[in-house]
Amino acid sequence: MVLPDDVRRYIAQGMPCEHLEVTGDGQHFEALIVSAAFEGKSRVARHQVVYAALGDRMRQEIHALSMQTLTPAQFAELGRSSAS
């Protein structure tokens, strides 16, 4: 069974993240991903970056992933700390 920490590690290994939170139940996951790699990208393009980081795991291990993808500036506007 895949754990939220596993998904977090997979994403962090595949792309630079300033902040990363993952929750879930082993099949369905939710992620908050903050990365400068999202600068200038549409929401769809941001999700594609994450899917590329996950690779085949998205089809084989992770049933569903809901994600909020933010740039560091967008994250700062929320008033959250960037420490992950």
N, C-alpha and C. Protein backbone atom coordinates (compact mmCIF):
# COMPACT_ATOMS: atom_id res chain seq x y z
N MET A 1 0.84 -1.18 0.00
CA MET A 1 0.00 0.00 0.00
C MET A 1 0.89 1.25 0.00
N VAL A 2 0.55 2.20 -0.81
CA VAL A 2 1.29 3.45 -0.91
C VAL A 2 0.80 4.40 0.18
N LEU A 3 1.74 5.01 0.88
CA LEU A 3 1.42 5.94 1.95
C LEU A 3 1.63 7.37 1.48
N PRO A 4 1.00 8.34 2.14
CA PRO A 4 1.22 9.74 1.77
C PRO A 4 2.70 10.13 1.75
N ASP A 5 3.49 9.60 2.71
CA ASP A 5 4.93 9.90 2.72
C ASP A 5 5.62 9.37 1.47
N ASP A 6 5.15 8.25 0.94
CA ASP A 6 5.71 7.71 -0.29
C ASP A 6 5.45 8.67 -1.45
N VAL A 7 4.21 9.12 -1.56
CA VAL A 7 3.85 10.04 -2.65
C VAL A 7 4.64 11.33 -2.52
N ARG A 8 4.77 11.81 -1.31
CA ARG A 8 5.55 13.03 -1.06
C ARG A 8 6.99 12.83 -1.54
N ARG A 9 7.58 11.71 -1.19
CA ARG A 9 8.95 11.41 -1.60
C ARG A 9 9.07 11.30 -3.12
N TYR A 10 8.12 10.63 -3.77
CA TYR A 10 8.14 10.49 -5.23
C TYR A 10 8.13 11.87 -5.91
N ILE A 11 7.26 12.74 -5.44
CA ILE A 11 7.17 14.08 -6.04
C ILE A 11 8.46 14.85 -5.79
N ALA A 12 8.94 14.83 -4.55
CA ALA A 12 10.15 15.58 -4.19
C ALA A 12 11.38 15.09 -4.96
N GLN A 13 11.43 13.81 -5.26
CA GLN A 13 12.56 13.26 -6.01
C GLN A 13 12.49 13.66 -7.49
N GLY A 14 11.29 13.93 -7.97
CA GLY A 14 11.12 14.20 -9.39
C GLY A 14 11.07 15.66 -9.79
N MET A 15 10.98 16.57 -8.80
CA MET A 15 10.89 17.99 -9.13
C MET A 15 11.28 18.82 -7.91
N PRO A 16 11.76 20.04 -8.14
CA PRO A 16 12.10 20.90 -7.00
C PRO A 16 10.84 21.45 -6.34
N CYS A 17 10.76 21.35 -5.03
CA CYS A 17 9.59 21.84 -4.29
C CYS A 17 10.05 22.70 -3.13
N GLU A 18 9.44 23.87 -3.00
CA GLU A 18 9.72 24.72 -1.86
C GLU A 18 8.88 24.29 -0.66
N HIS A 19 7.74 23.70 -0.93
CA HIS A 19 6.84 23.21 0.13
C HIS A 19 6.02 22.08 -0.47
N LEU A 20 5.79 21.04 0.33
CA LEU A 20 5.06 19.88 -0.18
C LEU A 20 4.34 19.19 0.96
N GLU A 21 3.02 19.09 0.83
CA GLU A 21 2.19 18.38 1.81
C GLU A 21 1.37 17.34 1.05
N VAL A 22 1.31 16.13 1.58
CA VAL A 22 0.49 15.08 0.96
C VAL A 22 -0.29 14.37 2.05
N THR A 23 -1.58 14.21 1.82
CA THR A 23 -2.44 13.42 2.70
C THR A 23 -3.15 12.39 1.84
N GLY A 24 -3.68 11.36 2.48
CA GLY A 24 -4.42 10.37 1.71
C GLY A 24 -4.65 9.09 2.48
N ASP A 25 -5.37 8.18 1.81
CA ASP A 25 -5.79 6.93 2.45
C ASP A 25 -5.17 5.69 1.83
N GLY A 26 -4.16 5.85 1.00
CA GLY A 26 -3.53 4.69 0.38
C GLY A 26 -3.88 4.54 -1.08
N GLN A 27 -4.99 5.12 -1.51
CA GLN A 27 -5.39 5.10 -2.92
C GLN A 27 -5.69 6.50 -3.44
N HIS A 28 -6.35 7.30 -2.63
CA HIS A 28 -6.72 8.67 -3.00
C HIS A 28 -5.87 9.63 -2.19
N PHE A 29 -5.23 10.56 -2.89
CA PHE A 29 -4.31 11.48 -2.23
C PHE A 29 -4.64 12.93 -2.59
N GLU A 30 -4.27 13.82 -1.68
CA GLU A 30 -4.37 15.26 -1.92
C GLU A 30 -3.00 15.85 -1.65
N ALA A 31 -2.56 16.74 -2.54
CA ALA A 31 -1.23 17.33 -2.39
C ALA A 31 -1.29 18.85 -2.56
N LEU A 32 -0.50 19.52 -1.74
CA LEU A 32 -0.24 20.95 -1.89
C LEU A 32 1.23 21.03 -2.29
N ILE A 33 1.47 21.51 -3.50
CA ILE A 33 2.82 21.53 -4.04
C ILE A 33 3.18 22.97 -4.40
N VAL A 34 4.28 23.45 -3.83
CA VAL A 34 4.76 24.80 -4.11
C VAL A 34 6.11 24.67 -4.80
N SER A 35 6.21 25.22 -6.01
CA SER A 35 7.44 25.09 -6.77
C SER A 35 7.63 26.26 -7.72
N ALA A 36 8.86 26.73 -7.82
CA ALA A 36 9.19 27.76 -8.80
C ALA A 36 9.05 27.21 -10.22
N ALA A 37 9.05 25.90 -10.36
CA ALA A 37 8.88 25.27 -11.68
C ALA A 37 7.51 25.58 -12.27
N PHE A 38 6.57 26.04 -11.46
CA PHE A 38 5.22 26.35 -11.93
C PHE A 38 5.09 27.77 -12.49
N GLU A 39 6.13 28.60 -12.31
CA GLU A 39 6.08 29.98 -12.79
C GLU A 39 5.73 30.03 -14.27
N GLY A 40 4.72 30.84 -14.61
CA GLY A 40 4.34 31.05 -16.00
C GLY A 40 3.58 29.90 -16.65
N LYS A 41 3.25 28.87 -15.88
CA LYS A 41 2.54 27.71 -16.43
C LYS A 41 1.06 27.74 -16.05
N SER A 42 0.24 27.22 -16.95
CA SER A 42 -1.19 27.09 -16.67
C SER A 42 -1.39 25.98 -15.63
N ARG A 43 -2.59 25.89 -15.12
CA ARG A 43 -2.92 24.84 -14.16
C ARG A 43 -2.69 23.45 -14.76
N VAL A 44 -3.10 23.27 -15.99
CA VAL A 44 -2.92 21.97 -16.66
C VAL A 44 -1.43 21.66 -16.82
N ALA A 45 -0.65 22.65 -17.23
CA ALA A 45 0.79 22.44 -17.40
C ALA A 45 1.47 22.13 -16.07
N ARG A 46 1.00 22.76 -14.99
CA ARG A 46 1.55 22.47 -13.66
C ARG A 46 1.27 21.02 -13.27
N HIS A 47 0.07 20.56 -13.53
CA HIS A 47 -0.28 19.18 -13.20
C HIS A 47 0.55 18.21 -14.04
N GLN A 48 0.82 18.57 -15.28
CA GLN A 48 1.65 17.72 -16.13
C GLN A 48 3.07 17.59 -15.57
N VAL A 49 3.59 18.67 -14.98
CA VAL A 49 4.91 18.62 -14.35
C VAL A 49 4.90 17.59 -13.22
N VAL A 50 3.85 17.62 -12.41
CA VAL A 50 3.74 16.68 -11.29
C VAL A 50 3.58 15.25 -11.81
N TYR A 51 2.73 15.05 -12.81
CA TYR A 51 2.55 13.72 -13.37
C TYR A 51 3.86 13.18 -13.94
N ALA A 52 4.65 14.05 -14.57
CA ALA A 52 5.94 13.62 -15.10
C ALA A 52 6.87 13.20 -13.96
N ALA A 53 6.82 13.92 -12.84
CA ALA A 53 7.63 13.55 -11.69
C ALA A 53 7.23 12.19 -11.13
N LEU A 54 5.94 11.89 -11.17
CA LEU A 54 5.44 10.61 -10.65
C LEU A 54 5.65 9.46 -11.63
N GLY A 55 5.70 9.77 -12.91
CA GLY A 55 5.91 8.74 -13.93
C GLY A 55 4.85 7.66 -13.90
N ASP A 56 5.28 6.42 -14.06
CA ASP A 56 4.36 5.28 -14.10
C ASP A 56 3.66 5.01 -12.77
N ARG A 57 4.17 5.58 -11.70
CA ARG A 57 3.53 5.38 -10.39
C ARG A 57 2.08 5.89 -10.41
N MET A 58 1.84 6.91 -11.23
CA MET A 58 0.48 7.47 -11.30
C MET A 58 -0.50 6.43 -11.84
N ARG A 59 -0.06 5.59 -12.72
CA ARG A 59 -0.94 4.56 -13.28
C ARG A 59 -0.93 3.28 -12.44
N GLN A 60 0.21 2.97 -11.86
CA GLN A 60 0.37 1.69 -11.20
C GLN A 60 0.07 1.69 -9.70
N GLU A 61 0.46 2.77 -8.99
CA GLU A 61 0.37 2.76 -7.54
C GLU A 61 -0.65 3.74 -6.97
N ILE A 62 -0.85 4.85 -7.67
CA ILE A 62 -1.69 5.92 -7.14
C ILE A 62 -3.00 5.95 -7.92
N HIS A 63 -4.09 5.70 -7.23
CA HIS A 63 -5.39 5.65 -7.90
C HIS A 63 -5.88 7.04 -8.28
N ALA A 64 -5.75 8.00 -7.37
CA ALA A 64 -6.24 9.36 -7.64
C ALA A 64 -5.39 10.37 -6.86
N LEU A 65 -5.11 11.49 -7.51
CA LEU A 65 -4.35 12.55 -6.88
C LEU A 65 -4.99 13.89 -7.18
N SER A 66 -5.47 14.53 -6.14
CA SER A 66 -6.00 15.89 -6.25
C SER A 66 -4.88 16.81 -5.80
N MET A 67 -4.61 17.85 -6.59
CA MET A 67 -3.49 18.70 -6.21
C MET A 67 -3.77 20.18 -6.35
N GLN A 68 -3.16 20.93 -5.45
CA GLN A 68 -3.14 22.38 -5.52
C GLN A 68 -1.69 22.72 -5.83
N THR A 69 -1.45 23.37 -6.97
CA THR A 69 -0.10 23.69 -7.42
C THR A 69 0.08 25.20 -7.40
N LEU A 70 1.03 25.65 -6.60
CA LEU A 70 1.24 27.09 -6.41
C LEU A 70 2.70 27.47 -6.64
N THR A 71 2.91 28.69 -7.10
CA THR A 71 4.25 29.25 -7.13
C THR A 71 4.58 29.73 -5.72
N PRO A 72 5.85 29.96 -5.43
CA PRO A 72 6.19 30.49 -4.10
C PRO A 72 5.47 31.80 -3.79
N ALA A 73 5.31 32.68 -4.78
CA ALA A 73 4.62 33.96 -4.55
C ALA A 73 3.15 33.72 -4.21
N GLN A 74 2.50 32.80 -4.90
CA GLN A 74 1.09 32.49 -4.61
C GLN A 74 0.96 31.90 -3.20
N PHE A 75 1.90 31.06 -2.83
CA PHE A 75 1.89 30.45 -1.51
C PHE A 75 2.07 31.51 -0.43
N ALA A 76 2.97 32.46 -0.67
CA ALA A 76 3.21 33.54 0.28
C ALA A 76 1.96 34.39 0.47
N GLU A 77 1.19 34.57 -0.61
CA GLU A 77 -0.05 35.34 -0.51
C GLU A 77 -1.06 34.68 0.42
N LEU A 78 -0.96 33.38 0.57
CA LEU A 78 -1.85 32.65 1.48
C LEU A 78 -1.43 32.85 2.94
N GLY A 79 -0.22 33.41 3.14
CA GLY A 79 0.25 33.66 4.48
C GLY A 79 0.79 32.43 5.16
N ARG A 80 1.20 31.46 4.37
CA ARG A 80 1.73 30.21 4.93
C ARG A 80 3.25 30.25 4.93
N SER A 81 3.85 29.52 5.81
CA SER A 81 5.31 29.41 5.87
C SER A 81 5.78 28.52 4.73
N SER A 82 6.95 28.80 4.19
CA SER A 82 7.46 27.98 3.10
C SER A 82 8.32 26.83 3.61
N ALA A 83 8.44 26.65 4.89
CA ALA A 83 9.21 25.51 5.41
C ALA A 83 8.41 24.23 5.20
N SER A 84 9.07 23.21 4.66
CA SER A 84 8.36 21.93 4.45
C SER A 84 8.91 20.83 5.28
